[in-house]
């Protein structure tokens, strides 16, 4: 599969973010905010990692710095580490 075709399919998959990504409740006692980034595709998703189980809950796709700022503002977080 050509790379351009792959990225167009990714774009289609994330066009309706509200369907795929949840609007999670954030509990700072049991979760911490993070960006999960793929080293293969470069895809970045902001969400919350459970401190005990390690499960990552995807909240929103990150396409630019503006998306990061929106996530921080929506969930009132200051730092957002990136995990690979």
C-alpha atoms as a PDB file:
ATOM      1  CA  UNK A   1       0.000   0.000   0.000  1.00  0.00           C
ATOM      2  CA  UNK A   2       1.318   3.423  -0.905  1.00  0.00           C
ATOM      3  CA  UNK A   3       2.052   5.823   1.958  1.00  0.00           C
ATOM      4  CA  UNK A   4      -0.292   8.490   0.590  1.00  0.00           C
ATOM      5  CA  UNK A   5      -3.114   5.968   0.535  1.00  0.00           C
ATOM      6  CA  UNK A   6      -2.321   4.906   4.097  1.00  0.00           C
ATOM      7  CA  UNK A   7      -2.437   8.471   5.407  1.00  0.00           C
ATOM      8  CA  UNK A   8      -5.671   9.214   3.551  1.00  0.00           C
ATOM      9  CA  UNK A   9      -7.226   6.177   5.243  1.00  0.00           C
ATOM     10  CA  UNK A  10      -5.969   7.411   8.625  1.00  0.00           C
ATOM     11  CA  UNK A  11      -7.516  10.799   7.928  1.00  0.00           C
ATOM     12  CA  UNK A  12     -10.838   9.159   7.138  1.00  0.00           C
ATOM     13  CA  UNK A  13     -10.670   7.113  10.324  1.00  0.00           C
ATOM     14  CA  UNK A  14     -10.188  10.215  12.467  1.00  0.00           C
ATOM     15  CA  UNK A  15     -12.611  12.495  10.659  1.00  0.00           C
ATOM     16  CA  UNK A  16     -15.377  11.608  13.121  1.00  0.00           C
ATOM     17  CA  UNK A  17     -13.314  11.761  16.304  1.00  0.00           C
ATOM     18  CA  UNK A  18     -16.354  11.946  18.535  1.00  0.00           C
ATOM     19  CA  UNK A  19     -17.377   8.451  17.455  1.00  0.00           C
ATOM     20  CA  UNK A  20     -14.022   6.810  18.187  1.00  0.00           C
ATOM     21  CA  UNK A  21     -12.713   8.826  21.088  1.00  0.00           C
ATOM     22  CA  UNK A  22     -14.498   9.140  24.392  1.00  0.00           C
ATOM     23  CA  UNK A  23     -15.036  12.250  26.431  1.00  0.00           C
ATOM     24  CA  UNK A  24     -13.653  10.674  29.571  1.00  0.00           C
ATOM     25  CA  UNK A  25     -13.879  11.797  33.116  1.00  0.00           C
ATOM     26  CA  UNK A  26     -10.407  12.525  34.430  1.00  0.00           C
ATOM     27  CA  UNK A  27      -9.593  11.365  37.970  1.00  0.00           C
ATOM     28  CA  UNK A  28      -6.120  12.633  38.952  1.00  0.00           C
ATOM     29  CA  UNK A  29      -5.983  10.158  41.851  1.00  0.00           C
ATOM     30  CA  UNK A  30      -6.163   7.113  39.577  1.00  0.00           C
ATOM     31  CA  UNK A  31      -5.066   8.491  36.170  1.00  0.00           C
ATOM     32  CA  UNK A  32      -2.494  10.780  34.637  1.00  0.00           C
ATOM     33  CA  UNK A  33      -2.748  12.664  31.327  1.00  0.00           C
ATOM     34  CA  UNK A  34      -0.353  11.759  28.525  1.00  0.00           C
ATOM     35  CA  UNK A  35       0.172  11.754  24.780  1.00  0.00           C
ATOM     36  CA  UNK A  36       0.681   8.327  23.271  1.00  0.00           C
ATOM     37  CA  UNK A  37       2.781   8.604  20.109  1.00  0.00           C
ATOM     38  CA  UNK A  38       3.566   5.924  17.552  1.00  0.00           C
ATOM     39  CA  UNK A  39       7.200   5.757  16.494  1.00  0.00           C
ATOM     40  CA  UNK A  40       6.124   4.044  13.252  1.00  0.00           C
ATOM     41  CA  UNK A  41       3.349   6.293  11.953  1.00  0.00           C
ATOM     42  CA  UNK A  42       3.844   9.449  13.991  1.00  0.00           C
ATOM     43  CA  UNK A  43       0.216   9.348  15.131  1.00  0.00           C
ATOM     44  CA  UNK A  44      -0.366  11.117  18.455  1.00  0.00           C
ATOM     45  CA  UNK A  45      -3.360  10.637  20.727  1.00  0.00           C
ATOM     46  CA  UNK A  46      -4.014  12.453  24.000  1.00  0.00           C
ATOM     47  CA  UNK A  47      -5.681  10.612  26.826  1.00  0.00           C
ATOM     48  CA  UNK A  48      -5.307   9.193  30.291  1.00  0.00           C
ATOM     49  CA  UNK A  49      -3.267   6.282  31.594  1.00  0.00           C
ATOM     50  CA  UNK A  50      -4.537   4.366  34.613  1.00  0.00           C
ATOM     51  CA  UNK A  51      -1.867   4.419  37.314  1.00  0.00           C
ATOM     52  CA  UNK A  52      -2.647   0.906  38.532  1.00  0.00           C
ATOM     53  CA  UNK A  53      -3.458  -1.122  35.395  1.00  0.00           C
ATOM     54  CA  UNK A  54      -1.573   0.962  32.805  1.00  0.00           C
ATOM     55  CA  UNK A  55      -4.605   1.006  30.494  1.00  0.00           C
ATOM     56  CA  UNK A  56      -4.639   4.018  28.165  1.00  0.00           C
ATOM     57  CA  UNK A  57      -7.975   5.705  27.411  1.00  0.00           C
ATOM     58  CA  UNK A  58      -7.871   7.678  24.148  1.00  0.00           C
ATOM     59  CA  UNK A  59      -9.606  11.037  24.276  1.00  0.00           C
ATOM     60  CA  UNK A  60      -8.539  13.009  21.194  1.00  0.00           C
ATOM     61  CA  UNK A  61      -6.288  12.896  18.166  1.00  0.00           C
ATOM     62  CA  UNK A  62      -3.406  15.373  18.246  1.00  0.00           C
ATOM     63  CA  UNK A  63      -2.663  16.987  14.885  1.00  0.00           C
ATOM     64  CA  UNK A  64      -1.079  20.253  16.024  1.00  0.00           C
ATOM     65  CA  UNK A  65       0.026  22.270  19.035  1.00  0.00           C
ATOM     66  CA  UNK A  66      -3.447  23.830  19.058  1.00  0.00           C
ATOM     67  CA  UNK A  67      -4.970  20.395  19.804  1.00  0.00           C
ATOM     68  CA  UNK A  68      -2.576  19.954  22.731  1.00  0.00           C
ATOM     69  CA  UNK A  69      -3.572  23.332  24.138  1.00  0.00           C
ATOM     70  CA  UNK A  70      -7.275  22.466  23.753  1.00  0.00           C
ATOM     71  CA  UNK A  71      -6.763  19.200  25.624  1.00  0.00           C
ATOM     72  CA  UNK A  72      -4.869  20.922  28.441  1.00  0.00           C
ATOM     73  CA  UNK A  73      -7.565  23.573  28.747  1.00  0.00           C
ATOM     74  CA  UNK A  74     -10.448  21.088  28.650  1.00  0.00           C
ATOM     75  CA  UNK A  75      -8.992  18.879  31.391  1.00  0.00           C
ATOM     76  CA  UNK A  76      -7.144  21.574  33.376  1.00  0.00           C
ATOM     77  CA  UNK A  77      -3.687  20.001  33.116  1.00  0.00           C
ATOM     78  CA  UNK A  78      -0.343  21.791  32.988  1.00  0.00           C
ATOM     79  CA  UNK A  79       2.014  19.069  31.792  1.00  0.00           C
ATOM     80  CA  UNK A  80       1.381  16.450  29.127  1.00  0.00           C
ATOM     81  CA  UNK A  81       4.248  13.962  28.763  1.00  0.00           C
ATOM     82  CA  UNK A  82       4.670  11.981  25.556  1.00  0.00           C
ATOM     83  CA  UNK A  83       4.927   8.191  25.754  1.00  0.00           C
ATOM     84  CA  UNK A  84       6.191   6.043  22.902  1.00  0.00           C
END
